[in-house]
């Protein structure tokens, strides 16, 4: 069975996705309004707590306080956001791992919504389909 993993990219982007990581699979993106060190540290803590819970660990205290903002996004009590994103499509010709855009097909939107539904229902999500 695949394991959920926190990814911290050089750009500051933080995600939690199934291993092996591929942008072609729906995943969680953790955001925060403040781009400073405190905001980055808070996103890191949320991502690590989410990763642990998705892998069968304890439920983070903030799970029961999530507020749904859209079909694919929730707000935490810290003011951070958790957004379901992906699958991504490489728009480069030929594909080159560089020009990623979010898939806007109905299936992709449904996959993202199901990831957020799982958080709102405090249930382990089904493994998303790429």
N, C-alpha and C. Protein backbone atom coordinates (compact mmCIF):
# COMPACT_ATOMS: atom_id res chain seq x y z
N UNK A 1 0.85 -1.18 0.00
CA UNK A 1 0.00 0.00 0.00
C UNK A 1 0.89 1.24 0.00
N UNK A 2 0.48 2.25 -0.75
CA UNK A 2 1.23 3.50 -0.83
C UNK A 2 1.15 4.28 0.48
N UNK A 3 2.15 5.09 0.67
CA UNK A 3 2.24 5.91 1.87
C UNK A 3 2.15 7.38 1.47
N UNK A 4 1.51 8.20 2.30
CA UNK A 4 1.42 9.64 2.08
C UNK A 4 2.71 10.28 2.58
N UNK A 5 3.22 11.24 1.81
CA UNK A 5 4.50 11.86 2.13
C UNK A 5 4.43 13.38 1.97
N UNK A 6 5.02 14.08 2.92
CA UNK A 6 5.17 15.53 2.86
C UNK A 6 6.30 15.87 1.91
N UNK A 7 6.05 16.81 1.00
CA UNK A 7 7.06 17.30 0.07
C UNK A 7 7.27 18.79 0.34
N UNK A 8 8.50 19.20 0.49
CA UNK A 8 8.85 20.62 0.64
C UNK A 8 9.76 20.97 -0.53
N UNK A 9 9.27 21.82 -1.40
CA UNK A 9 10.02 22.19 -2.60
C UNK A 9 10.83 23.47 -2.34
N UNK A 10 11.86 23.67 -3.13
CA UNK A 10 12.72 24.84 -2.98
C UNK A 10 11.97 26.16 -3.09
N UNK A 11 10.86 26.16 -3.79
CA UNK A 11 10.05 27.37 -3.95
C UNK A 11 9.28 27.72 -2.68
N UNK A 12 9.25 26.78 -1.72
CA UNK A 12 8.46 26.97 -0.51
C UNK A 12 7.14 26.22 -0.56
N UNK A 13 6.79 25.70 -1.72
CA UNK A 13 5.55 24.93 -1.86
C UNK A 13 5.63 23.68 -0.99
N UNK A 14 4.52 23.40 -0.29
CA UNK A 14 4.45 22.20 0.55
C UNK A 14 3.21 21.40 0.18
N UNK A 15 3.43 20.12 -0.09
CA UNK A 15 2.33 19.24 -0.46
C UNK A 15 2.40 17.97 0.37
N UNK A 16 1.29 17.26 0.39
CA UNK A 16 1.23 15.90 0.94
C UNK A 16 0.61 15.04 -0.14
N UNK A 17 1.37 14.06 -0.60
CA UNK A 17 0.93 13.24 -1.72
C UNK A 17 1.34 11.80 -1.50
N UNK A 18 0.75 10.94 -2.31
CA UNK A 18 1.12 9.52 -2.24
C UNK A 18 2.49 9.31 -2.86
N UNK A 19 3.24 8.36 -2.28
CA UNK A 19 4.50 7.94 -2.90
C UNK A 19 4.19 6.92 -3.97
N UNK A 20 4.93 6.84 -5.03
CA UNK A 20 5.95 7.81 -5.37
C UNK A 20 5.29 9.08 -5.88
N UNK A 21 5.86 10.23 -5.55
CA UNK A 21 5.27 11.51 -5.93
C UNK A 21 5.23 11.65 -7.44
N UNK A 22 4.10 12.07 -7.94
CA UNK A 22 3.96 12.46 -9.33
C UNK A 22 2.90 13.56 -9.38
N UNK A 23 3.16 14.64 -10.10
CA UNK A 23 2.15 15.69 -10.21
C UNK A 23 0.91 15.23 -10.96
N UNK A 24 0.98 14.06 -11.57
CA UNK A 24 -0.16 13.55 -12.32
C UNK A 24 -1.20 12.90 -11.42
N UNK A 25 -1.03 12.99 -10.11
CA UNK A 25 -1.95 12.41 -9.14
C UNK A 25 -2.50 13.52 -8.25
N UNK A 26 -3.79 13.49 -7.91
CA UNK A 26 -4.31 14.49 -6.99
C UNK A 26 -3.57 14.44 -5.65
N UNK A 27 -3.36 15.59 -5.05
CA UNK A 27 -2.63 15.67 -3.79
C UNK A 27 -3.08 16.91 -3.01
N UNK A 28 -2.62 17.03 -1.77
CA UNK A 28 -2.95 18.18 -0.93
C UNK A 28 -1.83 19.22 -1.02
N UNK A 29 -2.22 20.48 -1.11
CA UNK A 29 -1.29 21.61 -1.11
C UNK A 29 -1.61 22.44 0.13
N UNK A 30 -0.60 22.74 0.94
CA UNK A 30 -0.80 23.50 2.17
C UNK A 30 -0.31 24.92 1.91
N UNK A 31 -1.18 25.89 2.13
CA UNK A 31 -0.84 27.28 1.90
C UNK A 31 -1.09 28.12 3.14
N UNK A 32 -0.50 29.30 3.18
CA UNK A 32 -0.71 30.24 4.28
C UNK A 32 -0.55 31.65 3.73
N UNK A 33 -1.34 32.56 4.23
CA UNK A 33 -1.31 33.94 3.73
C UNK A 33 0.06 34.59 3.92
N UNK A 34 0.71 34.29 5.03
CA UNK A 34 2.01 34.90 5.30
C UNK A 34 3.12 34.06 4.67
N UNK A 35 3.94 34.70 3.87
CA UNK A 35 5.04 33.98 3.21
C UNK A 35 6.33 34.08 4.01
N UNK A 36 6.25 34.61 5.22
CA UNK A 36 7.45 34.76 6.05
C UNK A 36 7.81 33.44 6.72
N UNK A 37 8.85 33.48 7.54
CA UNK A 37 9.31 32.26 8.21
C UNK A 37 8.24 31.64 9.11
N UNK A 38 7.47 32.47 9.82
CA UNK A 38 6.42 31.93 10.68
C UNK A 38 5.36 31.20 9.87
N UNK A 39 4.96 31.80 8.74
CA UNK A 39 3.97 31.16 7.88
C UNK A 39 4.49 29.86 7.30
N UNK A 40 5.75 29.86 6.90
CA UNK A 40 6.37 28.65 6.35
C UNK A 40 6.45 27.55 7.41
N UNK A 41 6.82 27.93 8.63
CA UNK A 41 6.91 26.95 9.72
C UNK A 41 5.53 26.38 10.04
N UNK A 42 4.51 27.22 10.05
CA UNK A 42 3.15 26.75 10.34
C UNK A 42 2.68 25.79 9.25
N UNK A 43 2.95 26.11 8.00
CA UNK A 43 2.58 25.20 6.91
C UNK A 43 3.30 23.86 7.06
N UNK A 44 4.55 23.91 7.48
CA UNK A 44 5.33 22.68 7.69
C UNK A 44 4.66 21.82 8.77
N UNK A 45 4.30 22.44 9.88
CA UNK A 45 3.66 21.69 10.98
C UNK A 45 2.34 21.07 10.52
N UNK A 46 1.53 21.84 9.81
CA UNK A 46 0.25 21.32 9.33
C UNK A 46 0.48 20.15 8.37
N UNK A 47 1.43 20.32 7.46
CA UNK A 47 1.72 19.26 6.49
C UNK A 47 2.19 17.98 7.19
N UNK A 48 3.07 18.11 8.18
CA UNK A 48 3.56 16.92 8.89
C UNK A 48 2.44 16.24 9.68
N UNK A 49 1.55 17.03 10.31
CA UNK A 49 0.42 16.46 11.05
C UNK A 49 -0.55 15.77 10.09
N UNK A 50 -0.79 16.40 8.93
CA UNK A 50 -1.68 15.79 7.93
C UNK A 50 -1.06 14.50 7.40
N UNK A 51 0.22 14.53 7.10
CA UNK A 51 0.92 13.33 6.62
C UNK A 51 0.78 12.19 7.64
N UNK A 52 1.02 12.48 8.91
CA UNK A 52 0.93 11.45 9.95
C UNK A 52 -0.49 10.87 10.03
N UNK A 53 -1.50 11.74 10.01
CA UNK A 53 -2.88 11.28 10.09
C UNK A 53 -3.25 10.43 8.88
N UNK A 54 -2.85 10.87 7.68
CA UNK A 54 -3.17 10.11 6.47
C UNK A 54 -2.53 8.73 6.49
N UNK A 55 -1.45 8.58 7.24
CA UNK A 55 -0.77 7.29 7.35
C UNK A 55 -1.20 6.51 8.60
N UNK A 56 -2.33 6.90 9.19
CA UNK A 56 -2.88 6.15 10.31
C UNK A 56 -2.53 6.68 11.68
N UNK A 57 -1.88 7.84 11.75
CA UNK A 57 -1.50 8.44 13.03
C UNK A 57 -2.67 9.18 13.67
N UNK A 58 -2.39 9.89 14.75
CA UNK A 58 -3.44 10.59 15.47
C UNK A 58 -4.04 11.74 14.65
N UNK A 59 -5.31 11.99 14.90
CA UNK A 59 -5.99 13.08 14.21
C UNK A 59 -5.53 14.42 14.78
N UNK A 60 -5.11 15.35 13.92
CA UNK A 60 -4.72 16.67 14.42
C UNK A 60 -5.90 17.38 15.06
N UNK A 61 -5.63 18.19 16.08
CA UNK A 61 -6.69 18.88 16.81
C UNK A 61 -7.51 19.78 15.90
N UNK A 62 -6.93 20.30 14.86
CA UNK A 62 -7.60 21.27 13.99
C UNK A 62 -8.55 20.62 12.98
N UNK A 63 -8.53 19.29 12.86
CA UNK A 63 -9.40 18.62 11.89
C UNK A 63 -10.88 18.93 12.12
N UNK A 64 -11.29 18.95 13.37
CA UNK A 64 -12.71 19.19 13.65
C UNK A 64 -13.11 20.64 13.43
N UNK A 65 -12.13 21.53 13.19
CA UNK A 65 -12.41 22.95 13.02
C UNK A 65 -12.20 23.44 11.59
N UNK A 66 -12.07 22.51 10.65
CA UNK A 66 -11.88 22.90 9.26
C UNK A 66 -13.14 23.57 8.73
N UNK A 67 -12.94 24.57 7.87
CA UNK A 67 -14.05 25.28 7.24
C UNK A 67 -13.90 25.16 5.73
N UNK A 68 -14.92 24.63 5.09
CA UNK A 68 -14.85 24.44 3.63
C UNK A 68 -15.06 25.78 2.95
N UNK A 69 -14.11 26.12 2.08
CA UNK A 69 -14.20 27.38 1.34
C UNK A 69 -14.69 27.18 -0.09
N UNK A 70 -14.41 26.03 -0.66
CA UNK A 70 -14.81 25.73 -2.04
C UNK A 70 -14.82 24.21 -2.18
N UNK A 71 -15.24 23.69 -3.33
CA UNK A 71 -15.24 22.24 -3.49
C UNK A 71 -13.88 21.60 -3.28
N UNK A 72 -12.79 22.35 -3.52
CA UNK A 72 -11.46 21.74 -3.41
C UNK A 72 -10.55 22.44 -2.39
N UNK A 73 -11.14 23.16 -1.43
CA UNK A 73 -10.29 23.90 -0.48
C UNK A 73 -10.97 24.04 0.89
N UNK A 74 -10.15 23.90 1.95
CA UNK A 74 -10.61 24.15 3.32
C UNK A 74 -9.65 25.12 3.99
N UNK A 75 -10.15 25.79 5.02
CA UNK A 75 -9.35 26.71 5.82
C UNK A 75 -9.18 26.09 7.19
N UNK A 76 -7.96 26.17 7.73
CA UNK A 76 -7.70 25.67 9.09
C UNK A 76 -7.94 26.80 10.08
N UNK A 77 -8.06 26.48 11.36
CA UNK A 77 -8.23 27.54 12.36
C UNK A 77 -7.01 28.46 12.46
N UNK A 78 -5.88 28.05 11.91
CA UNK A 78 -4.68 28.89 11.91
C UNK A 78 -4.74 29.95 10.83
N UNK A 79 -5.70 29.84 9.90
CA UNK A 79 -5.76 30.73 8.75
C UNK A 79 -5.04 30.16 7.54
N UNK A 80 -4.52 28.96 7.66
CA UNK A 80 -3.88 28.29 6.53
C UNK A 80 -4.94 27.61 5.68
N UNK A 81 -4.56 27.27 4.47
CA UNK A 81 -5.49 26.55 3.61
C UNK A 81 -4.90 25.20 3.23
N UNK A 82 -5.80 24.26 3.04
CA UNK A 82 -5.43 22.96 2.49
C UNK A 82 -6.27 22.82 1.24
N UNK A 83 -5.60 22.72 0.11
CA UNK A 83 -6.28 22.65 -1.18
C UNK A 83 -5.93 21.35 -1.87
N UNK A 84 -6.94 20.70 -2.40
CA UNK A 84 -6.69 19.52 -3.23
C UNK A 84 -6.31 20.05 -4.61
N UNK A 85 -5.21 19.57 -5.11
CA UNK A 85 -4.73 20.02 -6.41
C UNK A 85 -4.32 18.82 -7.25
N UNK A 86 -4.20 19.04 -8.54
CA UNK A 86 -3.85 17.96 -9.44
C UNK A 86 -5.09 17.20 -9.87
N UNK A 87 -4.96 16.26 -10.71
CA UNK A 87 -3.72 15.94 -11.38
C UNK A 87 -3.29 17.08 -12.29
N UNK A 88 -1.99 17.15 -12.52
CA UNK A 88 -1.42 18.18 -13.35
C UNK A 88 -1.12 17.60 -14.73
N UNK A 89 -1.16 18.47 -15.72
CA UNK A 89 -0.88 18.10 -17.11
C UNK A 89 0.33 18.90 -17.56
N UNK A 90 1.30 18.23 -18.16
CA UNK A 90 2.47 18.92 -18.69
C UNK A 90 2.09 19.48 -20.06
N UNK A 91 2.03 20.81 -20.16
CA UNK A 91 1.61 21.47 -21.40
C UNK A 91 2.75 21.68 -22.39
N UNK A 92 3.96 21.35 -22.00
CA UNK A 92 5.10 21.55 -22.90
C UNK A 92 5.01 20.58 -24.07
N UNK A 93 5.48 21.01 -25.21
CA UNK A 93 5.55 20.15 -26.39
C UNK A 93 6.99 20.01 -26.82
N UNK A 94 7.61 18.88 -26.75
CA UNK A 94 7.11 17.65 -26.13
C UNK A 94 7.11 17.79 -24.61
N UNK A 95 6.35 16.94 -23.90
CA UNK A 95 6.31 17.03 -22.44
C UNK A 95 7.73 17.02 -21.85
N UNK A 96 7.93 17.91 -20.87
CA UNK A 96 9.30 18.10 -20.37
C UNK A 96 9.40 18.30 -18.86
N UNK A 97 8.36 18.04 -18.12
CA UNK A 97 8.38 18.28 -16.67
C UNK A 97 8.65 19.76 -16.38
N UNK A 98 7.87 20.63 -16.99
CA UNK A 98 8.14 22.02 -16.73
C UNK A 98 6.96 22.95 -16.84
N UNK A 99 6.02 22.67 -17.69
CA UNK A 99 4.90 23.58 -17.90
C UNK A 99 3.61 22.93 -17.38
N UNK A 100 3.54 22.80 -16.06
CA UNK A 100 2.41 22.10 -15.45
C UNK A 100 1.19 23.01 -15.34
N UNK A 101 0.04 22.45 -15.65
CA UNK A 101 -1.24 23.14 -15.47
C UNK A 101 -2.21 22.12 -14.87
N UNK A 102 -3.12 22.62 -14.06
CA UNK A 102 -4.07 21.72 -13.42
C UNK A 102 -5.07 21.18 -14.44
N UNK A 103 -5.34 19.89 -14.37
CA UNK A 103 -6.33 19.24 -15.21
C UNK A 103 -7.71 19.75 -14.78
N UNK A 104 -8.47 20.27 -15.71
CA UNK A 104 -9.80 20.80 -15.39
C UNK A 104 -10.92 19.89 -15.89
N UNK A 105 -10.59 18.64 -16.17
CA UNK A 105 -11.63 17.70 -16.60
C UNK A 105 -12.58 17.41 -15.43
N UNK A 106 -13.76 16.94 -15.74
CA UNK A 106 -14.73 16.61 -14.69
C UNK A 106 -14.17 15.56 -13.74
N UNK A 107 -13.49 14.54 -14.28
CA UNK A 107 -12.91 13.50 -13.43
C UNK A 107 -11.89 14.08 -12.45
N UNK A 108 -11.06 15.00 -12.92
CA UNK A 108 -10.04 15.61 -12.06
C UNK A 108 -10.70 16.44 -10.96
N UNK A 109 -11.73 17.18 -11.31
CA UNK A 109 -12.44 17.99 -10.30
C UNK A 109 -13.10 17.10 -9.25
N UNK A 110 -13.66 15.98 -9.70
CA UNK A 110 -14.28 15.04 -8.76
C UNK A 110 -13.21 14.46 -7.83
N UNK A 111 -12.05 14.08 -8.37
CA UNK A 111 -10.96 13.53 -7.55
C UNK A 111 -10.53 14.53 -6.48
N UNK A 112 -10.40 15.80 -6.85
CA UNK A 112 -10.01 16.83 -5.87
C UNK A 112 -11.09 16.99 -4.81
N UNK A 113 -12.33 17.02 -5.23
CA UNK A 113 -13.43 17.16 -4.27
C UNK A 113 -13.48 16.01 -3.28
N UNK A 114 -13.19 14.79 -3.76
CA UNK A 114 -13.20 13.63 -2.87
C UNK A 114 -12.10 13.72 -1.80
N UNK A 115 -10.94 14.27 -2.16
CA UNK A 115 -9.88 14.46 -1.16
C UNK A 115 -10.34 15.40 -0.06
N UNK A 116 -11.01 16.48 -0.44
CA UNK A 116 -11.49 17.44 0.57
C UNK A 116 -12.68 16.87 1.33
N UNK A 117 -13.55 16.13 0.66
CA UNK A 117 -14.66 15.46 1.37
C UNK A 117 -14.12 14.60 2.50
N UNK A 118 -13.05 13.86 2.23
CA UNK A 118 -12.47 12.99 3.25
C UNK A 118 -12.01 13.80 4.46
N UNK A 119 -11.36 14.94 4.21
CA UNK A 119 -10.93 15.78 5.34
C UNK A 119 -12.13 16.28 6.14
N UNK A 120 -13.14 16.78 5.43
CA UNK A 120 -14.31 17.33 6.11
C UNK A 120 -15.06 16.26 6.91
N UNK A 121 -15.04 15.02 6.40
CA UNK A 121 -15.71 13.92 7.10
C UNK A 121 -14.79 13.22 8.09
N UNK A 122 -13.53 13.71 8.16
CA UNK A 122 -12.52 13.14 9.05
C UNK A 122 -12.38 11.64 8.81
N UNK A 123 -12.30 11.29 7.53
CA UNK A 123 -12.11 9.91 7.10
C UNK A 123 -10.84 9.82 6.28
N UNK A 124 -10.23 8.67 6.29
CA UNK A 124 -9.07 8.44 5.43
C UNK A 124 -9.54 8.46 3.98
N UNK A 125 -8.89 9.24 3.12
CA UNK A 125 -9.33 9.28 1.73
C UNK A 125 -8.99 7.99 0.99
N UNK A 126 -9.83 7.66 0.03
CA UNK A 126 -9.47 6.58 -0.88
C UNK A 126 -8.26 7.03 -1.66
N UNK A 127 -7.45 6.11 -2.10
CA UNK A 127 -6.28 6.50 -2.89
C UNK A 127 -6.76 7.11 -4.19
N UNK A 128 -6.37 8.36 -4.47
CA UNK A 128 -6.87 9.03 -5.68
C UNK A 128 -6.32 8.37 -6.93
N UNK A 129 -7.14 8.43 -7.98
CA UNK A 129 -6.71 7.89 -9.27
C UNK A 129 -5.95 8.99 -10.02
N UNK A 130 -4.84 8.64 -10.66
CA UNK A 130 -4.15 9.64 -11.49
C UNK A 130 -4.98 10.00 -12.70
